[in-house]
Structures are given as structure tokens and as C-alpha cells.
Amino acid sequence: MHAGAHKFITGTIALVLLILVWQFAGGLIQGARNTVTSLQTNSSESQAGREVKQATEAQTSANNTATDRKAEDLYRERALRPEVERTRRSAEEARTRARSAEVNYEQAKKNSNRSRLDRDSLHRRNCADLRELYPGEFFPGCDER
């Protein structure tokens, strides 16, 4: 091939490429613009989406925390209810025993005084009877009082 033919072929190829670039350059530039705009839109949408997702996750977490707290409170109440009931009954029984002991103490105190008085009066009566039956005799325990 001749050197001129090479130049012609190379020039023709360059011209065809230039025409193709010219034809598709507008589309390529517009496509690039659309891609950049799309990326910016996607970026802002994804930013908004991330914010919505984070807000949703925060709300879900708060709801789960509240639910967990309620469940713990309910469990604690159910678990401790028998213990609280047992303690309440025990305290009530202790109050009842204390009242009974107080009443028994007061009653015993009254009975103790009464029995001592009864013993003293019985003792005096017995001594008086002995003196009547045996005048002038000495009776140990009767004359000492």
C-alpha cells in the first residue's frame, strides 16, 4: 500500500470517529448530566431514607425498651406477689400475737393480784378459824403477820 493511501484511510477513520463522537457527544454529555443528577437525587433520597430509617429504628428501639420495661415490671410483680403476700400475712400474725400477748399479760396481772388477795383472805380466815377453835394456841404463820 502506498503512503498516501494510509493517510487517506487514517484520515477517513478519524473523520468517521469525529462524526460519531459529534453525533453521540450530546447524548453522552446529557447522559453524564443525568447520571450526576441521578446520583445527587439518589444521594439526597438515600440521605432522607437513612434519616427515616434511623428515626424508625429509634422509635422501634424506644417501643422495645418500653415493652421490655413493662414485661420486667410485670414479671417482678408476679414473682414478688407471693413474697409480699407472705410478708403481709406474717406481719398480721405478729400483730395478732402481740395483741394476744398484751391481753394475756393484762389478764394474768389481774389474776395474779386477785389470787394473791384470795390467798391472803383465805389465810386470814383459816387463822381466824384456828384461833376460834383453839384459843390461846400459837399457830406459825398466823401470828407472824
N, C-alpha and C. Protein backbone atom coordinates (compact mmCIF):
# COMPACT_ATOMS: atom_id res chain seq x y z
N MET A 1 0.81 -1.18 0.00
CA MET A 1 0.00 0.00 0.00
C MET A 1 0.85 1.24 0.00
N HIS A 2 0.29 2.18 -0.59
CA HIS A 2 1.02 3.43 -0.78
C HIS A 2 0.84 4.30 0.44
N ALA A 3 1.82 5.15 0.76
CA ALA A 3 1.77 6.01 1.94
C ALA A 3 0.59 6.95 1.87
N GLY A 4 0.21 7.35 0.71
CA GLY A 4 -0.94 8.25 0.58
C GLY A 4 -2.23 7.55 0.94
N ALA A 5 -2.26 6.28 0.61
CA ALA A 5 -3.46 5.51 0.95
C ALA A 5 -3.61 5.38 2.45
N HIS A 6 -2.49 5.20 3.12
CA HIS A 6 -2.53 5.11 4.59
C HIS A 6 -3.05 6.40 5.18
N LYS A 7 -2.59 7.50 4.68
CA LYS A 7 -3.05 8.79 5.19
C LYS A 7 -4.54 8.95 4.94
N PHE A 8 -4.97 8.53 3.74
CA PHE A 8 -6.37 8.65 3.41
C PHE A 8 -7.23 7.78 4.34
N ILE A 9 -6.81 6.56 4.54
CA ILE A 9 -7.57 5.64 5.39
C ILE A 9 -7.56 6.16 6.83
N THR A 10 -6.42 6.59 7.31
CA THR A 10 -6.32 7.12 8.67
C THR A 10 -7.18 8.35 8.79
N GLY A 11 -7.15 9.23 7.81
CA GLY A 11 -7.97 10.43 7.85
C GLY A 11 -9.44 10.10 7.81
N THR A 12 -9.80 9.12 6.99
CA THR A 12 -11.20 8.71 6.90
C THR A 12 -11.68 8.13 8.23
N ILE A 13 -10.86 7.31 8.81
CA ILE A 13 -11.23 6.72 10.12
C ILE A 13 -11.36 7.82 11.16
N ALA A 14 -10.45 8.77 11.15
CA ALA A 14 -10.52 9.87 12.10
C ALA A 14 -11.78 10.68 11.87
N LEU A 15 -12.13 10.92 10.60
CA LEU A 15 -13.33 11.67 10.28
C LEU A 15 -14.58 10.93 10.73
N VAL A 16 -14.61 9.64 10.48
CA VAL A 16 -15.77 8.83 10.90
C VAL A 16 -15.89 8.86 12.42
N LEU A 17 -14.77 8.74 13.10
CA LEU A 17 -14.80 8.80 14.57
C LEU A 17 -15.26 10.16 15.05
N LEU A 18 -14.79 11.21 14.40
CA LEU A 18 -15.21 12.56 14.77
C LEU A 18 -16.71 12.74 14.57
N ILE A 19 -17.23 12.22 13.46
CA ILE A 19 -18.67 12.31 13.21
C ILE A 19 -19.44 11.52 14.27
N LEU A 20 -18.94 10.33 14.57
CA LEU A 20 -19.61 9.51 15.59
C LEU A 20 -19.60 10.21 16.95
N VAL A 21 -18.45 10.76 17.30
CA VAL A 21 -18.36 11.48 18.58
C VAL A 21 -19.31 12.66 18.55
N TRP A 22 -19.33 13.37 17.41
CA TRP A 22 -20.23 14.53 17.29
C TRP A 22 -21.68 14.09 17.45
N GLN A 23 -22.05 13.00 16.85
CA GLN A 23 -23.42 12.50 16.92
C GLN A 23 -23.79 12.09 18.35
N PHE A 24 -22.87 11.39 18.97
CA PHE A 24 -23.18 10.85 20.30
C PHE A 24 -22.71 11.72 21.45
N ALA A 25 -21.99 12.79 21.15
CA ALA A 25 -21.46 13.65 22.21
C ALA A 25 -22.59 14.26 23.01
N GLY A 26 -23.61 14.75 22.31
CA GLY A 26 -24.75 15.34 23.03
C GLY A 26 -25.41 14.33 23.95
N GLY A 27 -25.59 13.12 23.41
CA GLY A 27 -26.18 12.06 24.23
C GLY A 27 -25.29 11.68 25.40
N LEU A 28 -23.98 11.62 25.12
CA LEU A 28 -23.05 11.27 26.20
C LEU A 28 -23.02 12.36 27.27
N ILE A 29 -23.00 13.61 26.82
CA ILE A 29 -23.00 14.72 27.79
C ILE A 29 -24.30 14.73 28.58
N GLN A 30 -25.43 14.57 27.88
CA GLN A 30 -26.73 14.54 28.56
C GLN A 30 -26.80 13.34 29.51
N GLY A 31 -26.26 12.21 29.06
CA GLY A 31 -26.24 11.02 29.92
C GLY A 31 -25.39 11.25 31.16
N ALA A 32 -24.27 11.93 30.96
CA ALA A 32 -23.42 12.23 32.11
C ALA A 32 -24.14 13.17 33.06
N ARG A 33 -24.82 14.19 32.48
CA ARG A 33 -25.60 15.10 33.33
C ARG A 33 -26.68 14.34 34.09
N ASN A 34 -27.40 13.48 33.36
CA ASN A 34 -28.46 12.68 34.01
C ASN A 34 -27.88 11.79 35.11
N THR A 35 -26.72 11.22 34.83
CA THR A 35 -26.09 10.36 35.83
C THR A 35 -25.73 11.16 37.07
N VAL A 36 -25.14 12.34 36.88
CA VAL A 36 -24.78 13.18 38.03
C VAL A 36 -26.03 13.59 38.78
N THR A 37 -27.06 14.04 38.05
CA THR A 37 -28.32 14.44 38.70
C THR A 37 -28.95 13.26 39.42
N SER A 38 -28.92 12.11 38.76
CA SER A 38 -29.48 10.91 39.37
C SER A 38 -28.72 10.54 40.64
N LEU A 39 -27.40 10.64 40.57
CA LEU A 39 -26.61 10.33 41.77
C LEU A 39 -26.90 11.31 42.89
N GLN A 40 -27.05 12.60 42.52
CA GLN A 40 -27.38 13.60 43.54
C GLN A 40 -28.75 13.32 44.13
N THR A 41 -29.72 12.99 43.25
CA THR A 41 -31.07 12.69 43.71
C THR A 41 -31.05 11.45 44.59
N ASN A 42 -30.35 10.42 44.10
CA ASN A 42 -30.25 9.19 44.89
C ASN A 42 -29.56 9.46 46.22
N SER A 43 -28.55 10.33 46.16
CA SER A 43 -27.83 10.66 47.38
C SER A 43 -28.76 11.36 48.37
N SER A 44 -29.54 12.34 47.87
CA SER A 44 -30.45 13.05 48.78
C SER A 44 -31.58 12.13 49.22
N GLU A 45 -32.06 11.28 48.27
CA GLU A 45 -33.10 10.32 48.65
C GLU A 45 -32.56 9.31 49.64
N SER A 46 -31.34 8.86 49.40
CA SER A 46 -30.77 7.89 50.33
C SER A 46 -30.49 8.54 51.68
N GLN A 47 -30.12 9.83 51.67
CA GLN A 47 -29.93 10.55 52.94
C GLN A 47 -31.26 10.64 53.67
N ALA A 48 -32.32 11.02 52.93
CA ALA A 48 -33.64 11.10 53.56
C ALA A 48 -34.08 9.71 54.00
N GLY A 49 -33.80 8.72 53.16
CA GLY A 49 -34.15 7.34 53.52
C GLY A 49 -33.42 6.88 54.76
N ARG A 50 -32.13 7.24 54.83
CA ARG A 50 -31.36 6.87 56.03
C ARG A 50 -31.92 7.54 57.27
N GLU A 51 -32.29 8.82 57.14
CA GLU A 51 -32.86 9.53 58.29
C GLU A 51 -34.18 8.90 58.72
N VAL A 52 -35.02 8.56 57.74
CA VAL A 52 -36.30 7.91 58.06
C VAL A 52 -36.04 6.56 58.71
N LYS A 53 -35.08 5.82 58.15
CA LYS A 53 -34.75 4.51 58.71
C LYS A 53 -34.23 4.64 60.14
N GLN A 54 -33.36 5.63 60.36
CA GLN A 54 -32.82 5.85 61.71
C GLN A 54 -33.93 6.25 62.67
N ALA A 55 -34.84 7.11 62.21
CA ALA A 55 -35.95 7.52 63.07
C ALA A 55 -36.85 6.33 63.39
N THR A 56 -37.10 5.50 62.38
CA THR A 56 -37.93 4.30 62.59
C THR A 56 -37.24 3.35 63.56
N GLU A 57 -35.93 3.16 63.38
CA GLU A 57 -35.19 2.28 64.29
C GLU A 57 -35.19 2.83 65.71
N ALA A 58 -35.05 4.15 65.85
CA ALA A 58 -35.07 4.76 67.18
C ALA A 58 -36.44 4.57 67.83
N GLN A 59 -37.51 4.75 67.05
CA GLN A 59 -38.86 4.56 67.58
C GLN A 59 -39.08 3.10 67.97
N THR A 60 -38.63 2.20 67.11
CA THR A 60 -38.76 0.77 67.42
C THR A 60 -37.98 0.42 68.67
N SER A 61 -36.78 0.96 68.78
CA SER A 61 -35.97 0.71 69.97
C SER A 61 -36.64 1.25 71.23
N ALA A 62 -37.22 2.44 71.12
CA ALA A 62 -37.93 3.02 72.27
C ALA A 62 -39.13 2.16 72.64
N ASN A 63 -39.86 1.72 71.63
CA ASN A 63 -41.02 0.85 71.90
C ASN A 63 -40.58 -0.46 72.54
N ASN A 64 -39.49 -1.04 72.02
CA ASN A 64 -38.98 -2.28 72.60
C ASN A 64 -38.53 -2.08 74.03
N THR A 65 -37.88 -0.95 74.29
CA THR A 65 -37.43 -0.65 75.65
C THR A 65 -38.62 -0.52 76.59
N ALA A 66 -39.65 0.20 76.14
CA ALA A 66 -40.85 0.36 76.97
C ALA A 66 -41.52 -0.98 77.20
N THR A 67 -41.60 -1.79 76.17
CA THR A 67 -42.22 -3.12 76.30
C THR A 67 -41.40 -3.99 77.24
N ASP A 68 -40.08 -3.96 77.09
CA ASP A 68 -39.22 -4.74 77.97
C ASP A 68 -39.37 -4.29 79.42
N ARG A 69 -39.45 -2.98 79.63
CA ARG A 69 -39.60 -2.45 80.98
C ARG A 69 -40.93 -2.91 81.59
N LYS A 70 -42.00 -2.85 80.78
CA LYS A 70 -43.31 -3.31 81.28
C LYS A 70 -43.27 -4.79 81.60
N ALA A 71 -42.62 -5.57 80.73
CA ALA A 71 -42.52 -7.01 80.97
C ALA A 71 -41.73 -7.30 82.24
N GLU A 72 -40.64 -6.57 82.45
CA GLU A 72 -39.86 -6.75 83.68
C GLU A 72 -40.68 -6.40 84.91
N ASP A 73 -41.42 -5.29 84.84
CA ASP A 73 -42.26 -4.88 85.96
C ASP A 73 -43.33 -5.94 86.25
N LEU A 74 -43.96 -6.46 85.19
CA LEU A 74 -44.98 -7.48 85.36
C LEU A 74 -44.38 -8.74 85.95
N TYR A 75 -43.21 -9.15 85.45
CA TYR A 75 -42.55 -10.33 85.97
C TYR A 75 -42.19 -10.14 87.44
N ARG A 76 -41.63 -8.96 87.75
CA ARG A 76 -41.25 -8.67 89.13
C ARG A 76 -42.46 -8.71 90.04
N GLU A 77 -43.57 -8.12 89.56
CA GLU A 77 -44.79 -8.11 90.37
C GLU A 77 -45.30 -9.53 90.59
N ARG A 78 -45.31 -10.33 89.52
CA ARG A 78 -45.79 -11.72 89.65
C ARG A 78 -44.85 -12.54 90.51
N ALA A 79 -43.56 -12.31 90.37
CA ALA A 79 -42.58 -13.08 91.13
C ALA A 79 -42.60 -12.69 92.60
N LEU A 80 -42.82 -11.41 92.88
CA LEU A 80 -42.76 -10.94 94.26
C LEU A 80 -44.10 -10.98 94.97
N ARG A 81 -45.20 -11.13 94.22
CA ARG A 81 -46.53 -11.12 94.84
C ARG A 81 -46.64 -12.15 95.97
N PRO A 82 -46.22 -13.42 95.76
CA PRO A 82 -46.31 -14.38 96.87
C PRO A 82 -45.49 -13.95 98.08
N GLU A 83 -44.30 -13.40 97.82
CA GLU A 83 -43.44 -12.94 98.92
C GLU A 83 -44.09 -11.78 99.66
N VAL A 84 -44.67 -10.85 98.93
CA VAL A 84 -45.35 -9.71 99.55
C VAL A 84 -46.53 -10.20 100.37
N GLU A 85 -47.30 -11.15 99.79
CA GLU A 85 -48.46 -11.70 100.50
C GLU A 85 -48.00 -12.42 101.77
N ARG A 86 -46.93 -13.20 101.66
CA ARG A 86 -46.41 -13.93 102.81
C ARG A 86 -45.95 -12.95 103.90
N THR A 87 -45.28 -11.89 103.51
CA THR A 87 -44.82 -10.88 104.46
C THR A 87 -45.99 -10.18 105.12
N ARG A 88 -47.02 -9.85 104.32
CA ARG A 88 -48.21 -9.19 104.87
C ARG A 88 -48.89 -10.10 105.90
N ARG A 89 -49.05 -11.40 105.54
CA ARG A 89 -49.68 -12.34 106.49
C ARG A 89 -48.84 -12.48 107.75
N SER A 90 -47.53 -12.56 107.57
CA SER A 90 -46.63 -12.70 108.72
C SER A 90 -46.73 -11.49 109.64
N ALA A 91 -46.79 -10.30 109.05
CA ALA A 91 -46.92 -9.07 109.86
C ALA A 91 -48.26 -9.06 110.59
N GLU A 92 -49.32 -9.47 109.89
CA GLU A 92 -50.65 -9.51 110.52
C GLU A 92 -50.66 -10.52 111.67
N GLU A 93 -50.05 -11.68 111.46
CA GLU A 93 -49.98 -12.69 112.52
C GLU A 93 -49.16 -12.17 113.71
N ALA A 94 -48.09 -11.45 113.43
CA ALA A 94 -47.27 -10.88 114.51
C ALA A 94 -48.08 -9.86 115.30
N ARG A 95 -48.86 -9.02 114.60
CA ARG A 95 -49.70 -8.04 115.32
C ARG A 95 -50.74 -8.76 116.18
N THR A 96 -51.33 -9.83 115.62
CA THR A 96 -52.33 -10.59 116.38
C THR A 96 -51.69 -11.23 117.61
N ARG A 97 -50.50 -11.81 117.44
CA ARG A 97 -49.81 -12.42 118.60
C ARG A 97 -49.45 -11.36 119.64
N ALA A 98 -49.03 -10.18 119.18
CA ALA A 98 -48.68 -9.11 120.12
C ALA A 98 -49.91 -8.68 120.91
N ARG A 99 -51.05 -8.52 120.19
CA ARG A 99 -52.30 -8.15 120.91
C ARG A 99 -52.69 -9.23 121.91
N SER A 100 -52.61 -10.50 121.49
CA SER A 100 -52.96 -11.61 122.38
C SER A 100 -52.03 -11.64 123.60
N ALA A 101 -50.74 -11.44 123.36
CA ALA A 101 -49.79 -11.44 124.47
C ALA A 101 -50.09 -10.30 125.43
N GLU A 102 -50.45 -9.14 124.88
CA GLU A 102 -50.78 -8.00 125.73
C GLU A 102 -52.03 -8.28 126.56
N VAL A 103 -53.05 -8.83 125.91
CA VAL A 103 -54.29 -9.17 126.63
C VAL A 103 -54.00 -10.23 127.68
N ASN A 104 -53.22 -11.26 127.31
CA ASN A 104 -52.88 -12.31 128.28
C ASN A 104 -52.08 -11.75 129.45
N TYR A 105 -51.17 -10.82 129.17
CA TYR A 105 -50.39 -10.21 130.24
C TYR A 105 -51.29 -9.45 131.20
N GLU A 106 -52.17 -8.62 130.63
CA GLU A 106 -53.09 -7.85 131.50
C GLU A 106 -53.98 -8.79 132.31
N GLN A 107 -54.47 -9.85 131.66
CA GLN A 107 -55.33 -10.81 132.36
C GLN A 107 -54.55 -11.52 133.47
N ALA A 108 -53.33 -11.93 133.17
CA ALA A 108 -52.51 -12.62 134.18
C ALA A 108 -52.19 -11.68 135.33
N LYS A 109 -51.96 -10.41 135.00
CA LYS A 109 -51.67 -9.43 136.05
C LYS A 109 -52.87 -9.28 136.97
N LYS A 110 -54.06 -9.18 136.37
CA LYS A 110 -55.28 -9.08 137.19
C LYS A 110 -55.48 -10.34 138.01
N ASN A 111 -55.29 -11.51 137.37
CA ASN A 111 -55.48 -12.78 138.07
C ASN A 111 -54.45 -12.94 139.18
N SER A 112 -53.24 -12.50 138.95
CA SER A 112 -52.19 -12.62 139.95
C SER A 112 -52.55 -11.79 141.18
N ASN A 113 -53.01 -10.57 140.95
CA ASN A 113 -53.42 -9.73 142.08
C ASN A 113 -54.60 -10.35 142.80
N ARG A 114 -55.55 -10.85 142.04
CA ARG A 114 -56.75 -11.43 142.63
C ARG A 114 -56.40 -12.68 143.42
N SER A 115 -55.54 -13.54 142.85
CA SER A 115 -55.20 -14.78 143.55
C SER A 115 -54.42 -14.47 144.82
N ARG A 116 -53.56 -13.44 144.77
CA ARG A 116 -52.84 -13.08 145.99
C ARG A 116 -53.82 -12.58 147.05
N LEU A 117 -54.78 -11.76 146.61
CA LEU A 117 -55.80 -11.28 147.55
C LEU A 117 -56.63 -12.43 148.08
N ASP A 118 -56.98 -13.34 147.17
CA ASP A 118 -57.75 -14.51 147.60
C ASP A 118 -56.95 -15.36 148.57
N ARG A 119 -55.66 -15.55 148.29
CA ARG A 119 -54.82 -16.34 149.19
C ARG A 119 -54.72 -15.67 150.56
N ASP A 120 -54.53 -14.34 150.54
CA ASP A 120 -54.41 -13.62 151.81
C ASP A 120 -55.70 -13.70 152.62
N SER A 121 -56.83 -13.51 151.94
CA SER A 121 -58.09 -13.55 152.69
C SER A 121 -58.37 -14.97 153.18
N LEU A 122 -58.03 -15.98 152.38
CA LEU A 122 -58.21 -17.36 152.81
C LEU A 122 -57.30 -17.66 154.00
N HIS A 123 -56.09 -17.18 153.94
CA HIS A 123 -55.15 -17.38 155.04
C HIS A 123 -55.67 -16.74 156.32
N ARG A 124 -56.17 -15.51 156.19
CA ARG A 124 -56.72 -14.83 157.37
C ARG A 124 -57.92 -15.60 157.95
N ARG A 125 -58.78 -16.06 157.04
CA ARG A 125 -59.95 -16.80 157.52
C ARG A 125 -59.53 -18.09 158.21
N ASN A 126 -58.56 -18.78 157.64
CA ASN A 126 -58.09 -20.02 158.27
C ASN A 126 -57.49 -19.74 159.65
N CYS A 127 -56.69 -18.70 159.74
CA CYS A 127 -56.09 -18.35 161.03
C CYS A 127 -57.17 -17.97 162.04
N ALA A 128 -58.17 -17.22 161.57
CA ALA A 128 -59.27 -16.83 162.47
C ALA A 128 -60.02 -18.07 162.95
N ASP A 129 -60.24 -19.01 162.04
CA ASP A 129 -60.93 -20.24 162.43
C ASP A 129 -60.10 -21.03 163.45
N LEU A 130 -58.79 -21.11 163.24
CA LEU A 130 -57.94 -21.84 164.17
C LEU A 130 -57.93 -21.18 165.55
N ARG A 131 -57.91 -19.84 165.59
CA ARG A 131 -57.93 -19.14 166.88
C ARG A 131 -59.23 -19.39 167.63
N GLU A 132 -60.32 -19.46 166.85
CA GLU A 132 -61.61 -19.73 167.49
C GLU A 132 -61.64 -21.14 168.06
N LEU A 133 -61.15 -22.08 167.27
CA LEU A 133 -61.20 -23.47 167.70
C LEU A 133 -60.21 -23.74 168.85
N TYR A 134 -59.06 -23.12 168.77
CA TYR A 134 -58.03 -23.37 169.76
C TYR A 134 -57.56 -22.05 170.35
N PRO A 135 -58.32 -21.47 171.23
CA PRO A 135 -57.92 -20.19 171.79
C PRO A 135 -56.63 -20.34 172.62
N GLY A 136 -55.77 -19.35 172.53
CA GLY A 136 -54.52 -19.31 173.28
C GLY A 136 -53.40 -20.12 172.66
N GLU A 137 -53.66 -20.83 171.60
CA GLU A 137 -52.62 -21.63 170.94
C GLU A 137 -51.83 -20.74 169.97
N PHE A 138 -50.59 -21.15 169.75
CA PHE A 138 -49.75 -20.44 168.80
C PHE A 138 -49.75 -21.21 167.48
N PHE A 139 -50.00 -20.47 166.42
CA PHE A 139 -50.03 -21.08 165.08
C PHE A 139 -48.98 -20.38 164.20
N PRO A 140 -47.93 -21.11 163.83
CA PRO A 140 -46.90 -20.49 163.00
C PRO A 140 -47.50 -19.99 161.67
N GLY A 141 -47.15 -18.80 161.30
CA GLY A 141 -47.65 -18.20 160.07
C GLY A 141 -48.87 -17.35 160.30
N CYS A 142 -49.62 -17.61 161.34
CA CYS A 142 -50.82 -16.81 161.60
C CYS A 142 -50.47 -15.63 162.49
N ASP A 143 -49.67 -15.85 163.50
CA ASP A 143 -49.38 -14.79 164.45
C ASP A 143 -48.24 -13.90 163.96
N GLU A 144 -47.53 -14.33 162.98
CA GLU A 144 -46.40 -13.55 162.50
C GLU A 144 -46.84 -12.40 161.59
N ARG A 145 -48.00 -12.49 161.11
CA ARG A 145 -48.42 -11.46 160.16
C ARG A 145 -49.04 -10.31 160.84
